[in-house]
C-alpha cells in the first residue's frame, strides 16, 4: 500500500457527507459507520498520525 495523503478529521467527515449526498441524489440508501482503530489489523495501515486524525 502506498502512503496516503495527510488529511484532517474534518476533511474525512466532509468527504463522507459528499458521498452520502451524491448517493441519495441517485436514490441510493446509505448506512454510516465510524472508522475503527487499525492498530493490530491484518494489513499494515496503522500509524500514530492516522489514529490522531481518526474521527471519534
N, C-alpha and C. Protein backbone atom coordinates (compact mmCIF):
# COMPACT_ATOMS: atom_id res chain seq x y z
N UNK A 1 0.85 -1.18 0.00
CA UNK A 1 0.00 0.00 0.00
C UNK A 1 0.89 1.24 0.00
N UNK A 2 0.54 2.18 -0.83
CA UNK A 2 1.32 3.41 -0.87
C UNK A 2 0.86 4.35 0.24
N UNK A 3 1.74 5.26 0.65
CA UNK A 3 1.37 6.19 1.72
C UNK A 3 0.17 7.05 1.29
N UNK A 4 -0.74 7.25 2.20
CA UNK A 4 -1.91 8.09 1.93
C UNK A 4 -1.57 9.54 2.25
N UNK A 5 -2.24 10.47 1.57
CA UNK A 5 -2.01 11.89 1.91
C UNK A 5 -2.51 12.18 3.31
N UNK A 6 -1.91 13.14 3.95
CA UNK A 6 -2.37 13.54 5.29
C UNK A 6 -3.63 14.36 5.15
N UNK A 7 -4.63 13.97 5.91
CA UNK A 7 -5.90 14.69 5.89
C UNK A 7 -6.35 14.92 7.33
N UNK A 8 -7.26 15.84 7.48
CA UNK A 8 -7.80 16.13 8.81
C UNK A 8 -9.10 15.34 9.00
N UNK A 9 -9.52 15.24 10.24
CA UNK A 9 -10.80 14.59 10.53
C UNK A 9 -11.93 15.33 9.82
N UNK A 10 -11.87 16.64 9.77
CA UNK A 10 -12.91 17.44 9.09
C UNK A 10 -12.96 17.07 7.61
N UNK A 11 -11.82 16.88 6.96
CA UNK A 11 -11.81 16.50 5.54
C UNK A 11 -12.45 15.13 5.33
N UNK A 12 -12.20 14.20 6.24
CA UNK A 12 -12.79 12.86 6.14
C UNK A 12 -14.30 12.95 6.30
N UNK A 13 -14.75 13.69 7.29
CA UNK A 13 -16.19 13.85 7.54
C UNK A 13 -16.87 14.52 6.36
N UNK A 14 -16.28 15.59 5.86
CA UNK A 14 -16.86 16.32 4.72
C UNK A 14 -16.93 15.44 3.47
N UNK A 15 -15.91 14.63 3.24
CA UNK A 15 -15.90 13.74 2.08
C UNK A 15 -17.00 12.68 2.20
N UNK A 16 -17.19 12.15 3.40
CA UNK A 16 -18.26 11.17 3.61
C UNK A 16 -19.63 11.82 3.36
N UNK A 17 -19.81 13.04 3.83
CA UNK A 17 -21.08 13.73 3.62
C UNK A 17 -21.33 13.96 2.13
N UNK A 18 -20.29 14.28 1.40
CA UNK A 18 -20.42 14.49 -0.04
C UNK A 18 -20.83 13.19 -0.75
N UNK A 19 -20.22 12.08 -0.36
CA UNK A 19 -20.59 10.78 -0.93
C UNK A 19 -22.05 10.43 -0.61
N UNK A 20 -22.47 10.71 0.60
CA UNK A 20 -23.84 10.43 1.01
C UNK A 20 -24.83 11.26 0.19
N UNK A 21 -24.53 12.55 0.02
CA UNK A 21 -25.41 13.42 -0.77
C UNK A 21 -25.51 12.91 -2.21
N UNK A 22 -24.39 12.53 -2.80
CA UNK A 22 -24.38 12.04 -4.19
C UNK A 22 -25.19 10.75 -4.30
N UNK A 23 -25.03 9.85 -3.34
CA UNK A 23 -25.77 8.59 -3.37
C UNK A 23 -27.27 8.83 -3.23
N UNK A 24 -27.66 9.65 -2.27
CA UNK A 24 -29.07 9.92 -2.05
C UNK A 24 -29.71 10.62 -3.24
N UNK A 25 -28.95 11.48 -3.91
CA UNK A 25 -29.46 12.18 -5.10
C UNK A 25 -29.80 11.19 -6.21
N UNK A 26 -29.19 10.01 -6.15
CA UNK A 26 -29.45 8.96 -7.14
C UNK A 26 -30.35 7.87 -6.60
N UNK A 27 -30.96 8.12 -5.43
CA UNK A 27 -31.89 7.16 -4.85
C UNK A 27 -31.25 5.99 -4.14
N UNK A 28 -29.98 6.10 -3.82
CA UNK A 28 -29.27 5.02 -3.12
C UNK A 28 -29.33 5.28 -1.62
N UNK A 29 -29.77 4.28 -0.87
CA UNK A 29 -29.77 4.41 0.59
C UNK A 29 -28.36 4.24 1.10
N UNK A 30 -28.02 4.94 2.16
CA UNK A 30 -26.68 4.86 2.72
C UNK A 30 -26.74 4.44 4.18
N UNK A 31 -25.69 3.79 4.61
CA UNK A 31 -25.53 3.40 6.01
C UNK A 31 -24.15 3.87 6.44
N UNK A 32 -24.08 4.57 7.55
CA UNK A 32 -22.80 5.09 8.02
C UNK A 32 -22.26 4.29 9.19
N UNK A 33 -20.96 4.40 9.36
CA UNK A 33 -20.29 3.75 10.50
C UNK A 33 -19.03 4.53 10.82
N UNK A 34 -18.56 4.34 12.02
CA UNK A 34 -17.33 5.01 12.41
C UNK A 34 -16.13 4.30 11.79
N UNK A 35 -15.03 4.99 11.72
CA UNK A 35 -13.78 4.38 11.25
C UNK A 35 -13.12 3.77 12.47
N UNK A 36 -13.00 2.46 12.46
CA UNK A 36 -12.46 1.75 13.62
C UNK A 36 -10.95 1.93 13.76
N UNK A 37 -10.41 1.77 14.95
CA UNK A 37 -8.96 1.81 15.12
C UNK A 37 -8.31 0.70 14.30
N UNK A 38 -7.13 0.96 13.77
CA UNK A 38 -6.47 0.00 12.89
C UNK A 38 -5.31 -0.74 13.57
N UNK A 39 -4.95 -0.36 14.76
CA UNK A 39 -3.82 -1.00 15.43
C UNK A 39 -4.11 -2.49 15.59
N UNK A 40 -3.18 -3.32 15.13
CA UNK A 40 -3.34 -4.75 15.22
C UNK A 40 -4.10 -5.37 14.06
N UNK A 41 -4.47 -4.56 13.06
CA UNK A 41 -5.18 -5.07 11.90
C UNK A 41 -4.27 -5.98 11.08
N UNK A 42 -4.86 -6.82 10.25
CA UNK A 42 -4.09 -7.76 9.44
C UNK A 42 -3.33 -7.09 8.30
N UNK A 43 -3.70 -5.88 7.95
CA UNK A 43 -2.97 -5.17 6.91
C UNK A 43 -2.32 -3.94 7.54
N UNK A 44 -1.11 -3.60 7.11
CA UNK A 44 -0.30 -2.57 7.79
C UNK A 44 -0.66 -1.13 7.42
N UNK A 45 -1.75 -0.63 7.94
CA UNK A 45 -2.13 0.75 7.65
C UNK A 45 -2.16 1.62 8.90
N UNK A 46 -1.90 1.05 10.06
CA UNK A 46 -1.94 1.82 11.31
C UNK A 46 -0.75 2.76 11.39
N UNK A 47 -1.00 3.96 11.88
CA UNK A 47 0.06 4.90 12.22
C UNK A 47 -0.45 5.77 13.36
N UNK A 48 0.47 6.24 14.16
CA UNK A 48 0.08 7.13 15.26
C UNK A 48 -0.58 8.39 14.70
N UNK A 49 -0.04 8.92 13.60
CA UNK A 49 -0.61 10.12 12.97
C UNK A 49 -2.04 9.86 12.53
N UNK A 50 -2.28 8.73 11.86
CA UNK A 50 -3.62 8.40 11.40
C UNK A 50 -4.58 8.24 12.56
N UNK A 51 -4.14 7.64 13.63
CA UNK A 51 -5.01 7.45 14.80
C UNK A 51 -5.40 8.78 15.43
N UNK A 52 -4.49 9.76 15.38
CA UNK A 52 -4.79 11.09 15.94
C UNK A 52 -5.87 11.80 15.15
N UNK A 53 -5.96 11.51 13.85
CA UNK A 53 -6.92 12.21 12.99
C UNK A 53 -8.23 11.46 12.86
N UNK A 54 -8.26 10.18 13.18
CA UNK A 54 -9.46 9.37 13.02
C UNK A 54 -10.62 10.02 13.77
N UNK A 55 -11.72 10.30 13.05
CA UNK A 55 -12.85 10.93 13.74
C UNK A 55 -13.38 10.05 14.88
N UNK A 56 -13.82 10.66 15.96
CA UNK A 56 -14.34 9.88 17.09
C UNK A 56 -15.65 9.20 16.77
